[in-house]
Protein backbone atom coordinates (compact mmCIF):
# COMPACT_ATOMS: atom_id res chain seq x y z
CA MET A 1 0.82 27.18 -17.07
CA MET A 2 4.03 28.87 -15.94
CA ASN A 3 4.66 29.26 -12.20
CA ALA A 4 6.19 32.70 -11.88
CA SER A 5 5.94 32.99 -8.11
CA ASN A 6 9.32 31.37 -7.46
CA PRO A 7 12.06 32.41 -9.91
CA ARG A 8 14.83 30.22 -8.39
CA PRO A 9 16.59 28.16 -11.07
CA ALA A 10 15.31 24.67 -11.73
CA ASP A 11 17.40 21.55 -11.22
CA ALA A 12 16.41 20.32 -14.67
CA VAL A 13 14.53 21.65 -17.67
CA LEU A 14 13.24 19.60 -20.61
CA LEU A 15 12.77 21.69 -23.76
CA GLY A 16 11.37 21.31 -27.25
CA GLY A 17 9.06 18.36 -26.82
CA LYS A 18 5.40 17.44 -26.98
CA ILE A 19 4.47 17.23 -23.33
CA THR A 20 1.18 15.58 -22.45
CA THR A 21 0.32 17.05 -19.06
CA GLY A 22 -2.76 14.90 -18.50
CA VAL A 23 -4.71 17.97 -17.42
CA LEU A 24 -8.22 17.82 -18.86
CA GLY A 25 -8.55 20.12 -21.87
CA ALA A 26 -4.92 21.28 -21.82
CA VAL A 27 -2.89 21.48 -25.02
CA ASP A 28 0.59 19.96 -25.27
CA ALA A 29 3.29 21.97 -23.53
CA GLU A 30 6.75 22.54 -25.03
CA ALA A 31 8.81 22.47 -21.86
CA ILE A 32 8.79 21.40 -18.22
CA ALA A 33 10.99 22.32 -15.26
CA VAL A 34 11.77 20.30 -12.14
CA ARG A 35 13.18 21.39 -8.79
CA GLY A 36 13.74 18.83 -6.08
CA ASP A 37 11.05 16.18 -6.46
CA ARG A 38 8.41 18.55 -7.88
CA VAL A 39 7.29 20.07 -11.14
CA VAL A 40 7.84 23.84 -10.89
CA ALA A 41 6.85 24.98 -14.38
CA VAL A 42 5.07 23.68 -17.47
CA GLY A 43 4.55 25.77 -20.58
CA SER A 44 6.26 27.25 -23.61
CA ILE A 45 10.00 27.15 -24.18
CA ALA A 46 10.24 30.88 -23.60
CA GLU A 47 8.42 30.65 -20.26
CA VAL A 48 10.25 27.66 -18.85
CA ALA A 49 13.71 28.66 -20.13
CA ALA A 50 13.60 31.52 -17.64
CA LEU A 51 14.31 28.93 -14.92
CA ILE A 52 17.58 27.75 -16.47
CA GLY A 53 20.53 28.59 -14.23
CA SER A 54 24.23 27.83 -14.32
CA HIS A 55 23.71 24.44 -12.63
CA THR A 56 20.47 23.44 -14.37
CA SER A 57 20.53 20.21 -16.39
CA VAL A 58 19.00 20.97 -19.79
CA VAL A 59 17.50 18.15 -21.84
CA GLU A 60 16.77 18.89 -25.50
CA LEU A 61 13.77 16.72 -26.34
CA ASP A 62 14.00 17.14 -30.12
CA GLY A 63 10.24 16.80 -30.49
CA ARG A 64 9.87 13.67 -28.36
CA ARG A 65 6.65 12.86 -26.52
CA VAL A 66 6.66 13.24 -22.73
CA ILE A 67 3.90 11.72 -20.58
CA PRO A 68 3.16 11.42 -16.87
CA GLY A 69 4.71 8.26 -15.47
CA LEU A 70 2.58 5.15 -16.00
CA ILE A 71 0.92 3.54 -12.96
CA ASP A 72 -0.42 -0.02 -13.08
CA SER A 73 -3.58 -0.01 -10.95
CA HIS A 74 -3.62 -3.78 -10.41
CA VAL A 75 -0.44 -5.81 -10.50
CA HIS A 76 1.47 -8.26 -8.33
CA VAL A 77 4.93 -6.69 -8.25
CA VAL A 78 5.82 -7.74 -4.70
CA ARG A 79 5.56 -11.43 -5.61
CA ALA A 80 7.08 -10.99 -9.07
CA GLY A 81 9.97 -8.94 -7.77
CA ARG A 82 11.26 -11.67 -5.48
CA SER A 83 12.17 -13.95 -8.40
CA TRP A 84 12.39 -11.49 -11.31
CA ASN A 85 15.86 -12.35 -12.62
CA ASP A 86 15.34 -16.05 -11.92
CA GLU A 87 12.38 -16.41 -14.29
CA VAL A 88 11.95 -16.76 -18.03
CA ARG A 89 9.11 -14.60 -19.35
CA TRP A 90 7.03 -15.54 -22.39
CA GLY A 91 4.72 -12.53 -22.48
CA ASP A 92 6.18 -11.09 -25.68
CA VAL A 93 7.06 -14.27 -27.58
CA SER A 94 5.08 -15.23 -30.69
CA SER A 95 5.97 -18.91 -31.00
CA LEU A 96 6.90 -21.91 -28.90
CA ALA A 97 10.15 -22.04 -30.85
CA GLU A 98 10.99 -18.57 -29.57
CA GLY A 99 9.96 -19.56 -26.04
CA PHE A 100 12.15 -22.65 -26.16
CA ALA A 101 15.06 -20.49 -27.34
CA LEU A 102 14.68 -18.34 -24.21
CA ILE A 103 14.76 -21.47 -22.05
CA ARG A 104 17.91 -22.71 -23.83
CA GLU A 105 19.48 -19.31 -23.18
CA ALA A 106 18.60 -19.61 -19.48
CA LEU A 107 19.99 -23.16 -19.38
CA ALA A 108 23.36 -21.78 -20.46
CA ASP A 109 23.45 -19.79 -17.22
CA VAL A 110 21.07 -21.53 -14.81
CA PRO A 111 19.79 -19.23 -12.02
CA SER A 112 20.94 -19.65 -8.42
CA THR A 113 17.83 -21.72 -7.76
CA GLY A 114 19.05 -24.41 -10.14
CA CYS A 115 15.65 -24.43 -11.88
CA ILE A 116 14.03 -22.82 -14.92
CA VAL A 117 10.55 -21.39 -14.36
CA VAL A 118 8.03 -19.60 -16.57
CA VAL A 119 5.36 -18.36 -14.18
CA GLY A 120 2.42 -17.44 -16.39
CA GLY A 121 1.91 -14.27 -18.37
CA TRP A 122 1.29 -16.08 -21.67
CA HIS A 123 -1.49 -17.84 -23.58
CA PRO A 124 -1.26 -20.58 -26.27
CA GLY A 125 -3.27 -18.35 -28.61
CA GLN A 126 -0.33 -15.95 -28.95
CA PHE A 127 1.89 -18.68 -30.43
CA ASP A 128 2.17 -19.66 -34.08
CA GLU A 129 1.67 -23.25 -32.93
CA GLN A 130 -1.59 -22.36 -31.11
CA ARG A 131 -0.86 -24.76 -28.25
CA PRO A 132 1.07 -25.02 -24.98
CA PRO A 133 4.34 -26.92 -24.74
CA THR A 134 4.31 -30.62 -23.89
CA PRO A 135 6.18 -32.21 -20.97
CA GLU A 136 8.18 -34.20 -23.52
CA GLU A 137 9.36 -31.01 -25.23
CA LEU A 138 10.53 -29.59 -21.91
CA THR A 139 12.40 -32.81 -21.13
CA GLU A 140 14.08 -32.60 -24.54
CA LEU A 141 15.34 -29.15 -23.54
CA SER A 142 16.88 -30.65 -20.40
CA ALA A 143 16.51 -33.98 -18.65
CA THR A 144 18.54 -32.84 -15.62
CA VAL A 145 17.55 -29.22 -14.88
CA PRO A 146 13.98 -28.88 -13.55
CA ILE A 147 11.78 -26.86 -15.94
CA PHE A 148 8.37 -25.61 -14.80
CA VAL A 149 6.10 -23.72 -17.23
CA GLN A 150 2.83 -22.36 -15.84
CA GLN A 151 -0.01 -21.33 -18.17
CA GLN A 152 -1.77 -18.59 -16.20
CA TYR A 153 -3.77 -20.47 -13.54
CA ASP A 154 -4.95 -23.21 -15.94
CA GLN A 155 -2.13 -25.72 -15.74
CA ALA A 156 1.60 -26.16 -15.30
CA ILE A 157 3.80 -28.30 -17.52
CA LEU A 158 6.84 -29.99 -15.96
CA ASN A 159 9.78 -31.91 -17.38
CA THR A 160 10.91 -35.15 -15.72
CA ALA A 161 13.46 -33.38 -13.53
CA ALA A 162 10.79 -30.98 -12.26
CA LEU A 163 8.46 -33.88 -11.44
CA GLU A 164 11.23 -35.41 -9.35
CA LYS A 165 12.00 -32.06 -7.69
CA CYS A 166 8.35 -31.71 -6.66
CA GLY A 167 8.07 -35.26 -5.38
CA ILE A 168 5.67 -36.40 -8.11
CA ARG A 169 6.70 -40.00 -8.68
CA GLY A 170 4.85 -42.91 -10.24
CA THR A 171 1.60 -43.74 -8.51
CA GLU A 172 2.73 -42.31 -5.16
CA GLN A 173 0.45 -39.87 -3.36
CA VAL A 174 1.67 -36.29 -3.72
CA PRO A 175 2.33 -34.00 -0.72
CA PHE A 176 -0.03 -31.24 -1.89
CA SER A 177 -3.64 -30.69 -2.86
CA GLY A 178 -4.51 -30.06 -6.48
CA GLU A 179 -4.62 -32.32 -9.51
CA VAL A 180 -1.83 -34.40 -11.00
CA VAL A 181 -2.85 -35.46 -14.50
CA ARG A 182 -2.03 -39.16 -14.90
CA ASP A 183 -1.99 -41.65 -17.75
CA ALA A 184 -3.93 -44.91 -17.91
CA SER A 185 -1.32 -46.63 -15.74
CA GLY A 186 -1.58 -43.99 -13.03
CA ASN A 187 1.76 -42.36 -13.78
CA PRO A 188 2.10 -38.56 -13.91
CA THR A 189 2.02 -37.07 -17.40
CA GLY A 190 3.91 -33.92 -16.46
CA ILE A 191 0.85 -31.69 -16.07
CA ILE A 192 -0.51 -30.40 -12.76
CA LYS A 193 -3.48 -28.16 -11.99
CA GLY A 194 -4.63 -26.01 -9.09
CA GLN A 195 -3.12 -23.07 -7.18
CA ALA A 196 -2.04 -25.24 -4.26
CA ALA A 197 -0.08 -27.48 -6.63
CA TYR A 198 1.62 -24.53 -8.35
CA ALA A 199 2.49 -22.89 -5.03
CA TYR A 200 3.98 -26.08 -3.61
CA CYS A 201 6.22 -26.67 -6.62
CA LEU A 202 7.27 -23.04 -6.94
CA GLU A 203 8.28 -22.85 -3.29
CA LEU A 204 10.67 -25.73 -3.97
CA MET A 205 11.92 -24.31 -7.26
CA MET A 206 12.27 -20.63 -6.31
CA ASN A 207 13.87 -20.68 -2.87
CA GLN A 208 15.83 -17.43 -3.24
CA THR A 209 17.73 -15.99 -0.30
CA LEU A 210 16.53 -12.63 1.02
CA ASP A 211 19.55 -10.92 -0.54
CA ARG A 212 18.66 -12.44 -3.92
CA GLN A 213 15.02 -11.33 -3.53
CA ILE A 214 16.19 -7.78 -2.82
CA GLU A 215 18.48 -7.84 -5.86
CA ASN A 216 15.64 -9.17 -8.01
CA THR A 217 13.17 -6.56 -6.74
CA ILE A 218 15.54 -3.72 -7.57
CA ALA A 219 16.12 -5.19 -11.05
CA MET A 220 12.38 -5.52 -11.68
CA GLN A 221 11.74 -1.91 -10.72
CA ARG A 222 14.46 -0.74 -13.10
CA ASP A 223 13.08 -2.89 -15.92
CA LEU A 224 9.61 -1.41 -15.39
CA ASN A 225 11.11 2.09 -15.31
CA ALA A 226 12.50 1.31 -18.78
CA LEU A 227 8.89 0.93 -19.97
CA GLY A 228 7.92 4.31 -18.52
CA MET A 229 6.36 2.91 -15.34
CA THR A 230 6.81 4.98 -12.20
CA GLY A 231 4.13 3.46 -9.96
CA ALA A 232 2.24 0.27 -9.19
CA ILE A 233 -0.63 -0.78 -6.96
CA ASP A 234 0.00 -4.28 -5.62
CA LEU A 235 -3.01 -6.44 -4.77
CA GLY A 236 -1.29 -9.19 -2.79
CA GLY A 237 -2.02 -12.63 -4.18
CA ALA A 238 -3.77 -15.88 -3.45
CA SER A 239 -0.53 -17.88 -3.28
CA ARG A 240 3.05 -17.37 -2.09
CA MET A 241 2.07 -14.12 -0.37
CA ASP A 242 2.48 -14.58 3.37
CA ALA A 243 4.07 -11.90 5.57
CA GLU A 244 7.54 -13.12 4.60
CA ALA A 245 6.84 -12.18 0.97
CA TYR A 246 6.98 -8.46 1.85
CA ARG A 247 10.45 -8.50 3.42
CA ALA A 248 12.29 -7.80 0.18
CA VAL A 249 10.31 -4.74 -0.90
CA HIS A 250 10.46 -3.28 2.61
CA GLU A 251 14.22 -3.78 2.69
CA VAL A 252 14.59 -2.11 -0.72
CA HIS A 253 12.61 0.80 0.68
CA ARG A 254 14.70 0.92 3.87
CA ARG A 255 17.84 1.17 1.75
CA GLY A 256 16.42 4.07 -0.25
CA ALA A 257 16.61 2.03 -3.47
CA MET A 258 12.97 2.25 -4.59
CA THR A 259 12.49 3.52 -8.14
CA LEU A 260 8.87 2.36 -8.54
CA ARG A 261 6.31 3.95 -6.23
CA THR A 262 4.49 0.96 -4.74
CA ARG A 263 1.09 0.97 -3.06
CA LEU A 264 -0.03 -2.10 -1.15
CA PHE A 265 -3.44 -3.67 -0.71
CA VAL A 266 -3.07 -6.43 1.88
CA HIS A 267 -5.52 -9.23 2.50
CA PRO A 268 -6.09 -12.17 4.84
CA ARG A 269 -4.46 -15.52 4.24
CA SER A 270 -6.86 -18.35 3.53
CA GLY A 271 -7.16 -21.08 6.12
CA VAL A 272 -7.17 -18.57 8.98
CA ASP A 273 -10.21 -16.64 10.23
CA GLU A 274 -10.37 -13.82 7.70
CA LEU A 275 -12.41 -11.42 9.81
CA ASP A 276 -9.95 -11.73 12.70
CA GLN A 277 -7.08 -10.95 10.34
CA ILE A 278 -8.89 -7.87 9.02
CA LYS A 279 -9.31 -6.70 12.63
CA ASP A 280 -5.56 -7.18 13.13
CA PHE A 281 -4.80 -5.04 10.07
CA ILE A 282 -6.99 -2.28 11.47
CA ASN A 283 -5.43 -2.53 14.94
CA TYR A 284 -1.80 -2.51 13.82
CA LEU A 285 -1.83 -0.40 10.67
CA HIS A 286 -3.10 3.07 9.93
CA PRO A 287 -4.87 3.83 6.63
CA ARG A 288 -2.31 4.94 4.04
CA PHE A 289 0.63 4.26 6.34
CA GLY A 290 3.98 4.88 4.65
CA ASP A 291 5.55 7.46 2.38
CA ASP A 292 5.51 8.45 -1.28
CA PHE A 293 7.58 5.42 -2.28
CA LEU A 294 5.97 2.63 -0.24
CA ARG A 295 2.55 2.88 1.33
CA THR A 296 -0.17 0.49 2.52
CA VAL A 297 -3.42 1.91 1.20
CA GLY A 298 -6.17 -0.67 1.63
CA ILE A 299 -7.50 -4.16 2.17
CA GLY A 300 -8.02 -6.45 -0.85
CA GLU A 301 -8.34 -7.98 -3.37
CA ILE A 302 -9.51 -11.11 -1.55
CA LEU A 303 -11.22 -10.48 1.78
CA PHE A 304 -13.05 -13.80 2.01
CA LYS A 305 -12.21 -16.90 0.01
CA GLY A 306 -15.93 -17.59 -0.43
CA TYR A 307 -16.32 -14.37 -2.43
CA TYR A 308 -13.49 -15.20 -4.85
CA ASP A 309 -15.03 -16.04 -8.24
CA GLY A 310 -11.77 -16.96 -10.01
CA ALA A 311 -11.99 -16.35 -13.75
CA GLY A 312 -15.69 -15.56 -13.41
CA PHE A 313 -16.90 -18.18 -15.85
CA THR A 314 -19.78 -19.15 -13.55
CA SER A 315 -21.64 -17.52 -10.70
CA ILE A 316 -20.71 -18.52 -7.17
CA GLU A 317 -23.00 -19.31 -4.26
CA ILE A 318 -22.89 -16.57 -1.61
CA SER A 319 -24.46 -17.62 1.68
CA ALA A 320 -26.30 -15.26 4.02
CA GLU A 321 -23.61 -15.96 6.62
CA LEU A 322 -20.84 -14.92 4.22
CA LYS A 323 -22.71 -11.74 3.30
CA GLN A 324 -22.98 -10.93 6.99
CA ARG A 325 -19.24 -11.41 7.44
CA LEU A 326 -18.55 -9.08 4.52
CA ARG A 327 -20.91 -6.58 6.12
CA GLU A 328 -19.00 -6.76 9.41
CA ALA A 329 -15.72 -6.25 7.58
CA THR A 330 -17.14 -3.34 5.59
CA VAL A 331 -18.34 -1.61 8.76
CA LEU A 332 -14.98 -2.13 10.48
CA LEU A 333 -13.03 -0.76 7.53
CA ALA A 334 -15.37 2.17 6.90
CA GLU A 335 -15.34 3.22 10.55
CA SER A 336 -11.54 3.11 10.52
CA GLY A 337 -11.17 5.04 7.26
CA TRP A 338 -9.83 2.13 5.19
CA THR A 339 -10.53 1.59 1.52
CA MET A 340 -11.44 -1.85 0.15
CA ASN A 341 -10.94 -3.64 -3.15
CA ILE A 342 -12.65 -6.91 -4.07
CA HIS A 343 -11.95 -9.29 -6.94
CA ALA A 344 -15.23 -9.79 -8.83
CA ILE A 345 -15.59 -10.77 -12.48
CA HIS A 346 -19.09 -12.22 -12.82
CA ASP A 347 -21.95 -9.73 -12.43
CA SER A 348 -23.61 -11.92 -9.81
CA SER A 349 -20.51 -11.49 -7.62
CA VAL A 350 -20.55 -7.73 -8.19
CA ARG A 351 -24.25 -7.53 -7.28
CA SER A 352 -23.76 -9.48 -4.06
CA ILE A 353 -20.98 -7.13 -2.96
CA LEU A 354 -22.99 -4.05 -3.91
CA ASP A 355 -25.88 -5.33 -1.77
CA VAL A 356 -23.61 -5.24 1.27
CA TRP A 357 -21.96 -1.92 0.45
CA GLU A 358 -25.31 -0.21 -0.13
CA ASP A 359 -26.62 -1.54 3.17
CA VAL A 360 -23.60 -0.17 5.07
CA ASP A 361 -23.68 3.11 3.14
CA VAL A 362 -27.01 3.95 4.77
CA GLU A 363 -25.24 4.08 8.14
CA ILE A 364 -21.69 5.03 7.15
CA PRO A 365 -21.21 6.98 3.90
CA LEU A 366 -18.69 5.19 1.68
CA SER A 367 -18.25 7.73 -1.11
CA ASP A 368 -15.04 9.26 0.28
CA LEU A 369 -13.41 5.88 0.93
CA ARG A 370 -12.98 4.97 -2.74
CA PHE A 371 -14.10 1.35 -2.52
CA SER A 372 -13.36 -0.52 -5.72
CA PHE A 373 -13.71 -3.68 -7.76
CA SER A 374 -10.92 -5.53 -9.51
CA HIS A 375 -11.79 -6.72 -13.03
CA ALA A 376 -15.63 -6.52 -13.21
CA ASP A 377 -15.36 -7.73 -16.81
CA ALA A 378 -18.95 -9.02 -16.99
CA ILE A 379 -20.52 -6.17 -15.02
CA SER A 380 -24.04 -5.09 -16.05
CA ASP A 381 -25.28 -1.56 -16.72
CA GLU A 382 -27.40 -1.74 -13.57
CA SER A 383 -24.38 -2.66 -11.45
CA LEU A 384 -22.33 0.14 -13.02
CA HIS A 385 -24.94 2.68 -11.97
CA ARG A 386 -25.08 1.23 -8.45
CA ALA A 387 -21.28 1.40 -8.16
CA LYS A 388 -21.31 4.99 -9.38
CA ALA A 389 -23.85 5.95 -6.71
CA LEU A 390 -21.48 4.63 -4.03
CA GLY A 391 -18.47 6.52 -5.40
CA ALA A 392 -16.77 3.22 -6.22
CA GLY A 393 -14.18 2.68 -8.94
CA ILE A 394 -13.04 -0.21 -11.12
CA MET A 395 -9.51 -1.44 -11.76
CA VAL A 396 -9.47 -2.85 -15.32
CA GLN A 397 -6.78 -5.09 -16.82
CA ASP A 398 -5.84 -6.58 -20.16
CA ARG A 399 -5.99 -10.05 -18.56
CA MET A 400 -9.39 -10.17 -20.29
CA GLY A 401 -7.54 -10.13 -23.61
CA MET A 402 -6.18 -13.56 -22.71
CA ARG A 403 -9.59 -14.91 -21.73
CA THR A 404 -11.96 -14.05 -24.58
CA ILE A 405 -12.35 -17.59 -25.93
CA ASP A 406 -12.94 -19.20 -22.54
CA SER A 407 -15.23 -16.36 -21.44
CA ALA A 408 -17.32 -16.62 -24.62
CA LYS A 409 -18.04 -20.26 -23.82
CA ALA A 410 -19.38 -19.17 -20.44
CA TRP A 411 -21.08 -15.83 -21.21
CA GLY A 412 -21.67 -15.87 -24.97
CA GLU A 413 -19.81 -14.00 -27.70
CA ASP A 414 -21.89 -10.82 -27.51
CA ALA A 415 -21.15 -10.40 -23.81
CA VAL A 416 -17.43 -10.78 -24.45
CA ARG A 417 -17.55 -8.16 -27.22
CA HIS A 418 -18.57 -5.67 -24.53
CA ALA A 419 -16.27 -6.91 -21.77
CA PRO A 420 -15.22 -4.97 -19.95
CA PRO A 421 -17.49 -2.03 -20.85
CA LEU A 422 -14.70 0.54 -20.70
CA LYS A 423 -16.41 3.36 -22.59
CA THR A 424 -19.65 2.91 -20.66
CA MET A 425 -17.72 3.14 -17.39
CA LEU A 426 -16.00 6.31 -18.55
CA ASN A 427 -19.19 7.92 -19.83
CA LEU A 428 -20.86 7.27 -16.48
CA GLY A 429 -18.02 9.06 -14.72
CA LEU A 430 -16.82 5.93 -12.92
CA PRO A 431 -13.17 6.11 -11.87
CA ILE A 432 -11.19 3.49 -13.81
CA GLY A 433 -7.55 2.55 -13.48
CA GLY A 434 -5.57 0.81 -16.19
CA GLY A 435 -3.49 -2.24 -15.42
CA THR A 436 -2.46 -5.78 -16.24
CA ASP A 437 -3.00 -8.19 -13.30
CA ALA A 438 0.53 -9.35 -14.12
CA THR A 439 2.59 -11.37 -13.90
CA VAL A 440 0.74 -14.73 -13.84
CA ALA A 441 -2.62 -13.76 -15.34
CA ALA A 442 -1.06 -11.48 -17.98
CA PRO A 443 2.27 -9.99 -19.10
CA ILE A 444 3.38 -6.84 -17.31
CA ASN A 445 4.05 -4.62 -20.35
CA PRO A 446 1.87 -1.49 -19.83
CA TRP A 447 1.96 -0.64 -23.53
CA ARG A 448 0.33 -3.95 -24.43
CA SER A 449 -2.44 -3.07 -21.96
CA LEU A 450 -2.86 0.39 -23.48
CA TRP A 451 -3.00 -1.23 -26.94
CA TRP A 452 -5.75 -3.56 -25.68
CA MET A 453 -7.75 -0.64 -24.26
CA VAL A 454 -7.53 1.25 -27.55
CA THR A 455 -7.96 -1.57 -30.09
CA GLY A 456 -9.94 -4.17 -28.15
CA LYS A 457 -7.80 -6.85 -29.79
CA PRO A 458 -7.34 -10.10 -27.86
CA ILE A 459 -4.07 -11.84 -27.09
CA ASP A 460 -5.63 -15.32 -27.14
CA GLY A 461 -6.70 -15.09 -30.79
CA GLY A 462 -10.37 -14.81 -29.85
CA ILE A 463 -12.96 -12.02 -29.85
CA THR A 464 -12.26 -8.31 -30.40
CA ARG A 465 -14.03 -5.88 -28.10
CA ASP A 466 -16.77 -3.88 -29.81
CA GLU A 467 -15.75 -0.44 -31.05
CA SER A 468 -18.35 1.16 -28.79
CA GLU A 469 -16.38 -0.02 -25.73
CA ARG A 470 -12.90 1.01 -26.87
CA LEU A 471 -11.10 4.04 -25.47
CA THR A 472 -9.29 6.78 -27.32
CA ARG A 473 -5.54 6.92 -26.78
CA ALA A 474 -5.94 9.95 -24.51
CA GLU A 475 -8.62 8.20 -22.45
CA ALA A 476 -6.51 5.06 -22.09
CA LEU A 477 -3.45 7.06 -21.03
CA ALA A 478 -5.51 8.96 -18.45
CA ALA A 479 -6.72 5.64 -17.02
CA TYR A 480 -3.11 4.46 -16.74
CA THR A 481 -1.89 7.60 -14.97
CA VAL A 482 -4.20 9.84 -12.95
CA GLY A 483 -6.94 7.19 -13.17
CA SER A 484 -4.76 4.66 -11.38
CA ALA A 485 -3.56 7.28 -8.89
CA TRP A 486 -7.18 7.77 -7.73
CA PHE A 487 -7.30 4.28 -6.21
CA SER A 488 -4.39 4.98 -3.86
CA PHE A 489 -5.52 8.54 -3.00
CA ASP A 490 -2.53 9.88 -4.95
CA ASP A 491 -4.35 11.85 -7.65
CA ASP A 492 -3.52 15.11 -5.86
CA ARG A 493 0.22 14.43 -6.24
CA LEU A 494 0.60 11.94 -9.11
CA GLY A 495 -0.79 11.18 -12.55
CA THR A 496 -0.54 14.59 -14.24
CA LEU A 497 2.32 16.98 -14.96
CA GLU A 498 1.24 20.08 -13.06
CA VAL A 499 3.08 22.63 -10.96
CA GLY A 500 3.41 21.32 -7.41
CA LYS A 501 2.94 17.65 -8.27
CA LEU A 502 5.65 15.02 -7.95
CA ALA A 503 7.93 14.99 -10.99
CA ASP A 504 7.25 11.51 -12.37
CA LEU A 505 7.49 11.39 -16.16
CA ALA A 506 8.65 9.38 -19.15
CA VAL A 507 10.19 10.51 -22.44
CA LEU A 508 9.03 7.98 -25.03
CA SER A 509 10.92 6.10 -27.72
CA GLU A 510 8.03 6.67 -30.15
CA ASP A 511 5.09 9.08 -30.06
CA TYR A 512 2.18 7.21 -28.48
CA PHE A 513 -0.30 9.50 -30.22
CA GLU A 514 1.21 9.09 -33.70
CA VAL A 515 2.42 5.49 -34.12
CA SER A 516 0.16 2.84 -35.65
CA ASP A 517 -2.10 0.91 -33.29
CA ASP A 518 -0.05 -2.26 -33.52
CA SER A 519 3.16 -0.38 -32.77
CA ILE A 520 1.91 0.71 -29.34
CA PRO A 521 3.04 -2.49 -27.51
CA PHE A 522 6.63 -1.85 -28.58
CA ILE A 523 6.97 1.65 -27.12
CA THR A 524 9.59 2.07 -24.38
CA SER A 525 11.01 4.98 -22.43
CA VAL A 526 14.29 6.68 -23.28
CA LEU A 527 14.24 8.68 -20.04
CA THR A 528 12.19 7.95 -16.93
CA VAL A 529 12.12 10.31 -13.97
CA VAL A 530 10.73 9.53 -10.51
CA GLY A 531 10.50 12.36 -8.01
CA GLY A 532 12.86 14.54 -10.03
CA ASN A 533 15.47 11.78 -10.19
CA PRO A 534 16.35 10.11 -13.51
CA VAL A 535 16.00 6.37 -12.82
CA HIS A 536 16.35 5.14 -16.40
CA HIS A 537 17.90 6.47 -19.56
CA SER A 538 18.51 4.80 -22.88
CA THR A 539 22.06 4.76 -24.16
CA GLU A 540 20.57 5.03 -27.65
CA TRP A 541 19.38 8.58 -26.93
CA GLY A 542 22.11 11.00 -26.03
CA GLY A 543 19.69 13.60 -24.72
CA ALA A 544 18.96 11.52 -21.63
CA ALA A 545 22.58 11.65 -20.51
CA THR A 546 22.49 15.44 -20.12
CA TRP A 547 20.38 15.17 -16.95
CA SER A 548 22.68 14.57 -14.02
CA SER A 549 21.27 12.45 -11.19
CA GLU A 550 23.65 14.03 -8.71
């Protein structure tokens, strides 16, 4: 594995570890060398030590596990980043009592917005109490500071101050669409439902300045680096994702402050002609425009609102007219060299999309464009084979682990035990990318997602995925690294630790391949490197401090 063609000293060498290169069939390496932003050697200590010079930073790994940097193939980091330090997150709490304690802590130092928000990423099934909070409990926490707690996309619970902030008063008509749950007298109970309702309230409660959004985005990237994440593919979002939403991440990039490689899928805004917007994207953007830190790679995950099947509990009606519009969009994108990703959970949605793609593929081959589905939890064997024939891939997320009970009511328990069919996808040779769909639909912790891939255990207290559809730890890690890189056309430069590839890696707090299954979600990184630059190191591990970032 040693690169002997260039004997110049390395900038940094990591020695004495268990280095998972991610290369198929390769054994663990003992050492790795970095020069500039690239890997220049991987191999034994004796081989790599030859590149140590007088100015080389040497990191003694002491047997620690090193992996390629993790890449979330489907996440909403642009939106999450804008308000990162102004939110309370419940993804890792195990009781309402613990969640309330986090809110009390936030109330002691209320964010600049003057409001406390929990924007999804949790499920009542993860709590000891097995229920969501009540509006009364939130009002007990504070009657004066608005508190807004959103449960994925199911409902939001508001205290009395939040109701007032959002203009929800008595029997008055509210200034937004969506549902306000009311009591027998017509007064609001403190629960609202519907994306339009959430978006309206959150715009009022999270009105950060651009400078604050930039600060939050940088903080989020650093926090994700601390988990070993070095990349993310952002899929836009159905709410709070207009053009203004991208200003912060572009400004972070302009300042040279990016520490998380971010790939963007952009999509039309609802309420405006979607096909015209897709034409505008094609006219004003080039496929894969950007650099190794920020790049626009495709169109998705929502091209047409009529194709959006939500949580996929029921099939949706797809008209012939809508199919024709998807066909027009597919032709436009294929002719221009753009890739496409579409949200589809129910197999009927997947089949309808495949009908269009197969029709276009007769005229314009799609296999090199890496079209893909997001989720595809209820996909059938027939649809998997059809997707494989088109060269399509599937972004999979542990959001399904928070939806097993609800999905079983819609599809039946046996279907949920095989959802998504991860092993079947892999055995067919379908490209799959690991991810979360965070931060509203699921928590953003990549190790919880890897745990879900390996164990099949749910977060909502429901149904465990059948053993036949679980991945090995190596398979899950591959999906979360080089597998994810495939969807952004980065697999030739990211996802494995090979000579010539970008030096993105993480030194782990615990050995992913040796800890117990239920310890996986608690793994962190003690040293994270992006492009040869250490972007995170744990003060608890002295070895990380020996790598100078100068």
